[in-house]
């Protein structure tokens, strides 16, 4: 025994200094990922038009070719869903549009995120990609590498299934992707798909 109790050792969840040091090195790579994805933040309603709903539905359908009845009902959905409002107040203003039956927590700072990530239980962290793509990419990469029980979900205004699949294969890839506008039943299905991925692995 070393004399130092394991429980007394400081727990480092996210290495904030590493984030700062990696910023210059990763900035170019992350910028390339962001430019490839082109999650459009400009108002392009004219282009998206009525196709937006169909587009999101097609994307969600592609992610699960064999949906189960449980996909529409969060019957056991008591796990935490962390809405990370970093640099925006989107989730704070729209939480009522999220599906019922989940343990939501809205946070705005990295220290708050660190605190949440100390939980060793299954949970989903939802990011608004449009608010800060580079920060979201960095955080998704660190969470995926260090927190196996925490899964990430990226929300963005405009995204194609192809671009989402390409992003999912990178180090910054998330477990789930969702295109705005918010729809409680569609969000619930995506949460369930993320949970089903975990069940298949375990």
Protein backbone atom coordinates (compact mmCIF):
# COMPACT_ATOMS: atom_id res chain seq x y z
CA UNK A 1 0.00 0.00 0.00
CA UNK A 2 1.27 3.46 -0.80
CA UNK A 3 -0.42 5.07 2.18
CA UNK A 4 -2.56 7.26 -0.09
CA UNK A 5 -6.15 6.16 -0.12
CA UNK A 6 -7.53 5.93 -3.67
CA UNK A 7 -10.61 7.93 -2.63
CA UNK A 8 -8.40 10.80 -1.41
CA UNK A 9 -6.74 11.28 -4.79
CA UNK A 10 -8.09 14.25 -6.79
CA UNK A 11 -10.36 13.24 -9.64
CA UNK A 12 -9.61 14.92 -12.95
CA UNK A 13 -12.54 14.55 -15.28
CA UNK A 14 -11.71 16.94 -18.10
CA UNK A 15 -8.20 18.28 -18.36
CA UNK A 16 -8.91 21.98 -18.92
CA UNK A 17 -5.22 22.78 -19.37
CA UNK A 18 -4.98 20.12 -22.05
CA UNK A 19 -7.93 21.71 -23.82
CA UNK A 20 -6.08 25.02 -23.90
CA UNK A 21 -2.77 23.46 -25.03
CA UNK A 22 -4.44 21.42 -27.74
CA UNK A 23 -6.42 24.39 -29.03
CA UNK A 24 -3.75 25.66 -31.45
CA UNK A 25 -2.85 22.18 -32.66
CA UNK A 26 -6.43 21.02 -33.09
CA UNK A 27 -7.84 24.28 -34.36
CA UNK A 28 -6.93 23.57 -37.97
CA UNK A 29 -8.22 19.98 -37.86
CA UNK A 30 -11.42 21.03 -36.12
CA UNK A 31 -11.90 23.88 -38.56
CA UNK A 32 -11.56 21.37 -41.40
CA UNK A 33 -14.12 19.09 -39.79
CA UNK A 34 -16.45 22.04 -39.27
CA UNK A 35 -16.07 23.23 -42.84
CA UNK A 36 -16.70 19.73 -44.17
CA UNK A 37 -19.83 19.38 -42.06
CA UNK A 38 -21.15 22.85 -42.75
CA UNK A 39 -23.79 22.70 -40.04
CA UNK A 40 -25.40 25.86 -41.39
CA UNK A 41 -26.16 28.48 -38.77
CA UNK A 42 -27.48 31.04 -41.26
CA UNK A 43 -31.22 31.25 -41.79
CA UNK A 44 -31.70 29.13 -44.89
CA UNK A 45 -35.39 28.43 -44.51
CA UNK A 46 -35.98 29.16 -48.18
CA UNK A 47 -33.57 26.39 -49.19
CA UNK A 48 -34.66 23.95 -46.53
CA UNK A 49 -38.34 24.79 -46.88
CA UNK A 50 -40.70 21.93 -46.28
CA UNK A 51 -37.88 19.46 -46.89
CA UNK A 52 -36.49 20.11 -43.40
CA UNK A 53 -39.02 17.88 -41.64
CA UNK A 54 -38.68 15.11 -44.24
CA UNK A 55 -34.90 15.45 -44.13
CA UNK A 56 -34.74 15.04 -40.34
CA UNK A 57 -37.16 12.11 -40.50
CA UNK A 58 -35.07 10.41 -43.21
CA UNK A 59 -31.95 10.87 -41.08
CA UNK A 60 -33.58 9.43 -37.97
CA UNK A 61 -34.99 6.49 -39.95
CA UNK A 62 -31.55 5.73 -41.42
CA UNK A 63 -30.01 5.45 -37.97
CA UNK A 64 -32.31 2.59 -37.02
CA UNK A 65 -33.52 0.32 -39.80
CA UNK A 66 -35.45 -1.83 -37.34
CA UNK A 67 -37.08 0.46 -34.78
CA UNK A 68 -38.48 -1.24 -31.72
CA UNK A 69 -41.77 -0.29 -30.01
CA UNK A 70 -39.70 1.04 -27.11
CA UNK A 71 -38.21 3.65 -29.45
CA UNK A 72 -41.34 5.77 -29.20
CA UNK A 73 -41.92 5.42 -25.46
CA UNK A 74 -39.25 6.39 -22.92
CA UNK A 75 -40.76 3.90 -20.45
CA UNK A 76 -37.49 3.42 -18.54
CA UNK A 77 -36.13 6.87 -19.29
CA UNK A 78 -35.06 7.91 -15.83
CA UNK A 79 -31.44 8.58 -16.84
CA UNK A 80 -29.94 12.08 -16.82
CA UNK A 81 -29.89 14.24 -19.93
CA UNK A 82 -27.51 17.19 -19.61
CA UNK A 83 -28.33 20.15 -21.84
CA UNK A 84 -25.06 22.06 -22.20
CA UNK A 85 -25.99 25.67 -23.01
CA UNK A 86 -22.39 26.76 -23.68
CA UNK A 87 -22.41 30.23 -25.21
CA UNK A 88 -26.17 30.26 -25.75
CA UNK A 89 -29.50 30.09 -23.94
CA UNK A 90 -31.25 27.87 -26.48
CA UNK A 91 -31.87 24.93 -24.13
CA UNK A 92 -32.86 27.19 -21.26
CA UNK A 93 -35.55 28.79 -23.43
CA UNK A 94 -36.74 25.59 -25.12
CA UNK A 95 -36.56 22.90 -22.43
CA UNK A 96 -40.39 22.60 -22.48
CA UNK A 97 -40.11 21.30 -26.06
CA UNK A 98 -38.02 18.30 -24.98
CA UNK A 99 -39.75 14.97 -24.26
CA UNK A 100 -41.02 14.22 -20.76
CA UNK A 101 -39.66 11.39 -18.62
CA UNK A 102 -35.97 12.34 -18.59
CA UNK A 103 -33.93 13.85 -15.77
CA UNK A 104 -32.85 17.11 -17.42
CA UNK A 105 -30.16 19.41 -16.12
CA UNK A 106 -29.25 22.67 -17.89
CA UNK A 107 -25.65 23.74 -17.41
CA UNK A 108 -23.63 26.59 -18.90
CA UNK A 109 -20.00 26.22 -17.74
CA UNK A 110 -17.15 23.72 -18.03
CA UNK A 111 -16.86 23.30 -14.22
CA UNK A 112 -20.55 22.35 -14.12
CA UNK A 113 -19.97 19.87 -16.94
CA UNK A 114 -17.00 18.41 -15.08
CA UNK A 115 -19.19 17.90 -12.03
CA UNK A 116 -21.85 16.10 -14.06
CA UNK A 117 -19.27 13.89 -15.75
CA UNK A 118 -18.16 12.47 -12.40
CA UNK A 119 -21.31 10.33 -12.48
CA UNK A 120 -20.44 6.80 -13.53
CA UNK A 121 -23.95 6.09 -14.78
CA UNK A 122 -25.42 6.19 -18.27
CA UNK A 123 -26.24 9.76 -19.25
CA UNK A 124 -26.48 11.85 -22.41
CA UNK A 125 -24.89 15.27 -22.89
CA UNK A 126 -26.66 17.33 -25.56
CA UNK A 127 -24.71 20.04 -27.38
CA UNK A 128 -25.91 22.91 -29.56
CA UNK A 129 -23.30 22.61 -32.30
CA UNK A 130 -24.25 25.93 -33.86
CA UNK A 131 -23.24 27.91 -30.76
CA UNK A 132 -19.56 26.85 -30.80
CA UNK A 133 -18.54 24.05 -33.22
CA UNK A 134 -14.89 23.92 -32.14
CA UNK A 135 -15.70 23.65 -28.44
CA UNK A 136 -18.32 20.96 -29.12
CA UNK A 137 -15.83 18.96 -31.19
CA UNK A 138 -13.19 19.16 -28.45
CA UNK A 139 -15.61 18.22 -25.68
CA UNK A 140 -17.12 15.32 -27.61
CA UNK A 141 -13.63 13.94 -28.26
CA UNK A 142 -12.63 14.15 -24.58
CA UNK A 143 -15.89 12.68 -23.30
CA UNK A 144 -15.70 9.78 -25.78
CA UNK A 145 -12.11 9.05 -24.75
CA UNK A 146 -12.52 9.36 -20.98
CA UNK A 147 -16.16 8.76 -20.05
CA UNK A 148 -17.48 5.45 -21.39
CA UNK A 149 -20.82 5.75 -19.58
CA UNK A 150 -21.55 9.25 -20.93
CA UNK A 151 -22.81 9.56 -24.50
CA UNK A 152 -23.02 12.75 -26.55
CA UNK A 153 -25.67 14.10 -28.89
CA UNK A 154 -25.17 17.00 -31.29
CA UNK A 155 -28.03 19.25 -32.34
CA UNK A 156 -27.64 21.57 -35.33
CA UNK A 157 -29.87 23.65 -37.57
CA UNK A 158 -28.98 21.96 -40.85
CA UNK A 159 -27.27 18.61 -41.25
CA UNK A 160 -27.39 15.76 -43.73
CA UNK A 161 -27.22 12.07 -42.86
CA UNK A 162 -23.99 11.80 -44.87
CA UNK A 163 -22.31 14.64 -43.00
CA UNK A 164 -23.49 13.28 -39.65
CA UNK A 165 -22.11 9.84 -40.50
CA UNK A 166 -18.79 11.39 -41.54
CA UNK A 167 -18.59 13.34 -38.29
CA UNK A 168 -19.49 10.24 -36.25
CA UNK A 169 -16.38 8.49 -37.59
CA UNK A 170 -14.00 11.21 -36.37
CA UNK A 171 -12.45 11.49 -32.90
CA UNK A 172 -15.09 14.12 -32.17
CA UNK A 173 -17.96 11.88 -33.26
CA UNK A 174 -21.12 11.86 -31.17
CA UNK A 175 -23.46 8.97 -30.38
CA UNK A 176 -26.47 10.82 -31.76
CA UNK A 177 -27.33 13.67 -34.12
CA UNK A 178 -30.49 15.75 -34.39
CA UNK A 179 -31.58 18.47 -36.80
CA UNK A 180 -33.61 21.43 -35.52
CA UNK A 181 -36.47 22.31 -35.14
CA UNK A 182 -37.20 20.60 -31.83
CA UNK A 183 -39.83 17.87 -31.80
CA UNK A 184 -40.35 15.95 -28.55
CA UNK A 185 -41.21 12.61 -30.15
CA UNK A 186 -38.24 12.71 -32.55
CA UNK A 187 -35.85 13.71 -29.76
CA UNK A 188 -37.18 10.85 -27.63
CA UNK A 189 -36.52 8.39 -30.46
CA UNK A 190 -32.94 9.62 -30.80
CA UNK A 191 -32.35 9.32 -27.04
CA UNK A 192 -33.68 5.76 -27.22
CA UNK A 193 -31.38 4.91 -30.14
CA UNK A 194 -28.40 6.12 -28.14
CA UNK A 195 -29.46 4.01 -25.16
CA UNK A 196 -29.98 0.98 -27.43
CA UNK A 197 -26.41 1.36 -28.75
CA UNK A 198 -25.14 1.07 -25.17
CA UNK A 199 -27.30 -2.01 -24.47
CA UNK A 200 -25.92 -3.77 -27.56
CA UNK A 201 -22.32 -3.16 -26.44
CA UNK A 202 -22.86 -4.23 -22.82
